[in-house]
């Protein structure tokens, strides 16, 4: 039993982050000065985008449609989604979009309602 059972090595997330930073520093040290500067610029740009990032759970077909449209129009998918969200919120504020027909009771203790997006998709 002792040979077959192996302990999993558990690393604290803070320690893992420090180890990753150390690995990055070591790999950066092998880069040329211009490549290091380029990489630092890319990291700064990514860090500046972080506050605006959002993770959403979307139906796969909806995600596919957004990415297909973005590719066809040669526009970033995030801008396509931002346009639709802005327009949807404008319509909600003006009363042109009503959530009630799509509300369904939620089984989650955190939310009272969910929205039945599939009923909206079937209107096409």
C-alpha atoms as a PDB file:
ATOM      1  CA  UNK A   1       0.000   0.000   0.000  1.00  0.00           C
ATOM      2  CA  UNK A   2       2.845   2.426   0.721  1.00  0.00           C
ATOM      3  CA  UNK A   3       4.388   1.984  -2.741  1.00  0.00           C
ATOM      4  CA  UNK A   4       1.071   2.410  -4.526  1.00  0.00           C
ATOM      5  CA  UNK A   5      -0.074   5.423  -2.538  1.00  0.00           C
ATOM      6  CA  UNK A   6       1.672   8.585  -3.491  1.00  0.00           C
ATOM      7  CA  UNK A   7       1.259  11.931  -1.826  1.00  0.00           C
ATOM      8  CA  UNK A   8       0.052  14.775  -3.936  1.00  0.00           C
ATOM      9  CA  UNK A   9       2.205  17.806  -3.693  1.00  0.00           C
ATOM     10  CA  UNK A  10       0.007  20.738  -2.717  1.00  0.00           C
ATOM     11  CA  UNK A  11       1.440  24.135  -3.501  1.00  0.00           C
ATOM     12  CA  UNK A  12      -0.003  27.280  -2.013  1.00  0.00           C
ATOM     13  CA  UNK A  13      -1.269  29.611  -4.795  1.00  0.00           C
ATOM     14  CA  UNK A  14       0.967  32.440  -3.541  1.00  0.00           C
ATOM     15  CA  UNK A  15       4.004  30.152  -3.684  1.00  0.00           C
ATOM     16  CA  UNK A  16       3.012  28.956  -7.162  1.00  0.00           C
ATOM     17  CA  UNK A  17       2.722  32.576  -8.333  1.00  0.00           C
ATOM     18  CA  UNK A  18       6.192  33.352  -6.956  1.00  0.00           C
ATOM     19  CA  UNK A  19       7.619  30.288  -8.676  1.00  0.00           C
ATOM     20  CA  UNK A  20       5.991  31.293 -11.974  1.00  0.00           C
ATOM     21  CA  UNK A  21       7.399  34.820 -11.686  1.00  0.00           C
ATOM     22  CA  UNK A  22      10.856  33.371 -11.039  1.00  0.00           C
ATOM     23  CA  UNK A  23      10.521  31.117 -14.101  1.00  0.00           C
ATOM     24  CA  UNK A  24       9.464  34.155 -16.187  1.00  0.00           C
ATOM     25  CA  UNK A  25      12.471  36.139 -14.966  1.00  0.00           C
ATOM     26  CA  UNK A  26      14.807  33.288 -15.869  1.00  0.00           C
ATOM     27  CA  UNK A  27      13.333  32.926 -19.347  1.00  0.00           C
ATOM     28  CA  UNK A  28      13.363  36.722 -19.829  1.00  0.00           C
ATOM     29  CA  UNK A  29      17.055  36.797 -18.916  1.00  0.00           C
ATOM     30  CA  UNK A  30      17.786  34.697 -22.010  1.00  0.00           C
ATOM     31  CA  UNK A  31      15.999  37.166 -24.307  1.00  0.00           C
ATOM     32  CA  UNK A  32      17.622  40.072 -26.092  1.00  0.00           C
ATOM     33  CA  UNK A  33      17.119  43.541 -24.630  1.00  0.00           C
ATOM     34  CA  UNK A  34      14.598  44.493 -27.330  1.00  0.00           C
ATOM     35  CA  UNK A  35      12.650  41.237 -26.848  1.00  0.00           C
ATOM     36  CA  UNK A  36      12.564  41.830 -23.074  1.00  0.00           C
ATOM     37  CA  UNK A  37      11.232  45.346 -23.658  1.00  0.00           C
ATOM     38  CA  UNK A  38       8.613  43.986 -26.081  1.00  0.00           C
ATOM     39  CA  UNK A  39       7.525  41.342 -23.576  1.00  0.00           C
ATOM     40  CA  UNK A  40       7.302  43.921 -20.768  1.00  0.00           C
ATOM     41  CA  UNK A  41       5.170  46.149 -23.001  1.00  0.00           C
ATOM     42  CA  UNK A  42       2.858  43.201 -23.790  1.00  0.00           C
ATOM     43  CA  UNK A  43       2.513  42.369 -20.074  1.00  0.00           C
ATOM     44  CA  UNK A  44       1.649  45.986 -19.245  1.00  0.00           C
ATOM     45  CA  UNK A  45      -0.926  46.107 -22.034  1.00  0.00           C
ATOM     46  CA  UNK A  46      -2.513  42.851 -20.792  1.00  0.00           C
ATOM     47  CA  UNK A  47      -2.586  44.143 -17.209  1.00  0.00           C
ATOM     48  CA  UNK A  48      -4.318  47.348 -18.343  1.00  0.00           C
ATOM     49  CA  UNK A  49      -7.051  45.300 -20.059  1.00  0.00           C
ATOM     50  CA  UNK A  50      -7.686  43.188 -16.958  1.00  0.00           C
ATOM     51  CA  UNK A  51     -10.222  45.498 -15.211  1.00  0.00           C
ATOM     52  CA  UNK A  52     -12.511  45.355 -18.266  1.00  0.00           C
ATOM     53  CA  UNK A  53     -12.387  41.577 -18.644  1.00  0.00           C
ATOM     54  CA  UNK A  54     -15.469  39.492 -17.933  1.00  0.00           C
ATOM     55  CA  UNK A  55     -16.050  35.733 -17.898  1.00  0.00           C
ATOM     56  CA  UNK A  56     -19.539  34.720 -18.989  1.00  0.00           C
ATOM     57  CA  UNK A  57     -21.292  31.387 -19.360  1.00  0.00           C
ATOM     58  CA  UNK A  58     -22.970  31.430 -22.759  1.00  0.00           C
ATOM     59  CA  UNK A  59     -24.756  28.760 -24.748  1.00  0.00           C
ATOM     60  CA  UNK A  60     -22.251  27.274 -27.214  1.00  0.00           C
ATOM     61  CA  UNK A  61     -24.354  28.195 -30.249  1.00  0.00           C
ATOM     62  CA  UNK A  62     -24.529  31.830 -29.126  1.00  0.00           C
ATOM     63  CA  UNK A  63     -20.770  31.937 -28.610  1.00  0.00           C
ATOM     64  CA  UNK A  64     -20.235  30.397 -32.052  1.00  0.00           C
ATOM     65  CA  UNK A  65     -22.513  32.963 -33.686  1.00  0.00           C
ATOM     66  CA  UNK A  66     -20.655  35.843 -32.035  1.00  0.00           C
ATOM     67  CA  UNK A  67     -17.249  34.519 -33.118  1.00  0.00           C
ATOM     68  CA  UNK A  68     -18.493  33.725 -36.639  1.00  0.00           C
ATOM     69  CA  UNK A  69     -19.872  37.258 -36.969  1.00  0.00           C
ATOM     70  CA  UNK A  70     -16.660  38.756 -35.599  1.00  0.00           C
ATOM     71  CA  UNK A  71     -14.608  36.775 -38.115  1.00  0.00           C
ATOM     72  CA  UNK A  72     -16.903  37.634 -41.028  1.00  0.00           C
ATOM     73  CA  UNK A  73     -16.912  41.344 -40.171  1.00  0.00           C
ATOM     74  CA  UNK A  74     -13.248  41.358 -39.134  1.00  0.00           C
ATOM     75  CA  UNK A  75     -14.150  43.011 -35.819  1.00  0.00           C
ATOM     76  CA  UNK A  76     -12.979  41.807 -32.373  1.00  0.00           C
ATOM     77  CA  UNK A  77     -15.572  39.557 -30.726  1.00  0.00           C
ATOM     78  CA  UNK A  78     -15.404  41.669 -27.563  1.00  0.00           C
ATOM     79  CA  UNK A  79     -16.521  44.724 -29.556  1.00  0.00           C
ATOM     80  CA  UNK A  80     -19.390  42.772 -31.133  1.00  0.00           C
ATOM     81  CA  UNK A  81     -20.545  41.721 -27.649  1.00  0.00           C
ATOM     82  CA  UNK A  82     -20.093  45.275 -26.303  1.00  0.00           C
ATOM     83  CA  UNK A  83     -22.298  46.602 -29.134  1.00  0.00           C
ATOM     84  CA  UNK A  84     -25.027  44.042 -28.411  1.00  0.00           C
ATOM     85  CA  UNK A  85     -24.877  44.667 -24.653  1.00  0.00           C
ATOM     86  CA  UNK A  86     -25.034  48.435 -25.114  1.00  0.00           C
ATOM     87  CA  UNK A  87     -27.961  48.151 -27.516  1.00  0.00           C
ATOM     88  CA  UNK A  88     -29.753  45.644 -25.268  1.00  0.00           C
ATOM     89  CA  UNK A  89     -29.344  47.855 -22.200  1.00  0.00           C
ATOM     90  CA  UNK A  90     -30.574  50.875 -24.179  1.00  0.00           C
ATOM     91  CA  UNK A  91     -33.629  48.853 -25.259  1.00  0.00           C
ATOM     92  CA  UNK A  92     -34.191  47.689 -21.670  1.00  0.00           C
ATOM     93  CA  UNK A  93     -34.001  51.286 -20.385  1.00  0.00           C
ATOM     94  CA  UNK A  94     -36.459  52.505 -23.050  1.00  0.00           C
ATOM     95  CA  UNK A  95     -38.929  49.670 -22.394  1.00  0.00           C
ATOM     96  CA  UNK A  96     -38.427  48.060 -25.821  1.00  0.00           C
ATOM     97  CA  UNK A  97     -36.963  44.959 -24.173  1.00  0.00           C
ATOM     98  CA  UNK A  98     -38.810  43.303 -21.294  1.00  0.00           C
ATOM     99  CA  UNK A  99     -37.209  40.550 -19.209  1.00  0.00           C
ATOM    100  CA  UNK A 100     -40.416  39.116 -17.722  1.00  0.00           C
ATOM    101  CA  UNK A 101     -41.295  36.740 -20.611  1.00  0.00           C
ATOM    102  CA  UNK A 102     -37.880  35.074 -20.252  1.00  0.00           C
ATOM    103  CA  UNK A 103     -37.738  34.789 -16.440  1.00  0.00           C
ATOM    104  CA  UNK A 104     -37.728  31.326 -14.905  1.00  0.00           C
ATOM    105  CA  UNK A 105     -37.376  30.517 -11.188  1.00  0.00           C
ATOM    106  CA  UNK A 106     -33.788  29.773 -10.240  1.00  0.00           C
ATOM    107  CA  UNK A 107     -32.708  26.805  -8.174  1.00  0.00           C
ATOM    108  CA  UNK A 108     -29.710  28.801  -6.977  1.00  0.00           C
ATOM    109  CA  UNK A 109     -29.690  30.299  -3.479  1.00  0.00           C
ATOM    110  CA  UNK A 110     -27.869  33.300  -4.921  1.00  0.00           C
ATOM    111  CA  UNK A 111     -30.392  34.252  -7.642  1.00  0.00           C
ATOM    112  CA  UNK A 112     -34.179  34.389  -7.692  1.00  0.00           C
ATOM    113  CA  UNK A 113     -34.420  34.121 -11.483  1.00  0.00           C
ATOM    114  CA  UNK A 114     -32.683  32.802 -14.568  1.00  0.00           C
ATOM    115  CA  UNK A 115     -33.427  33.827 -18.144  1.00  0.00           C
ATOM    116  CA  UNK A 116     -34.589  31.288 -20.707  1.00  0.00           C
ATOM    117  CA  UNK A 117     -32.439  32.408 -23.620  1.00  0.00           C
ATOM    118  CA  UNK A 118     -33.462  29.375 -25.697  1.00  0.00           C
ATOM    119  CA  UNK A 119     -37.000  30.745 -26.010  1.00  0.00           C
ATOM    120  CA  UNK A 120     -35.548  33.926 -27.525  1.00  0.00           C
ATOM    121  CA  UNK A 121     -33.395  31.967 -29.987  1.00  0.00           C
ATOM    122  CA  UNK A 122     -36.455  30.032 -31.219  1.00  0.00           C
ATOM    123  CA  UNK A 123     -38.170  33.230 -32.387  1.00  0.00           C
ATOM    124  CA  UNK A 124     -36.057  33.397 -35.553  1.00  0.00           C
END
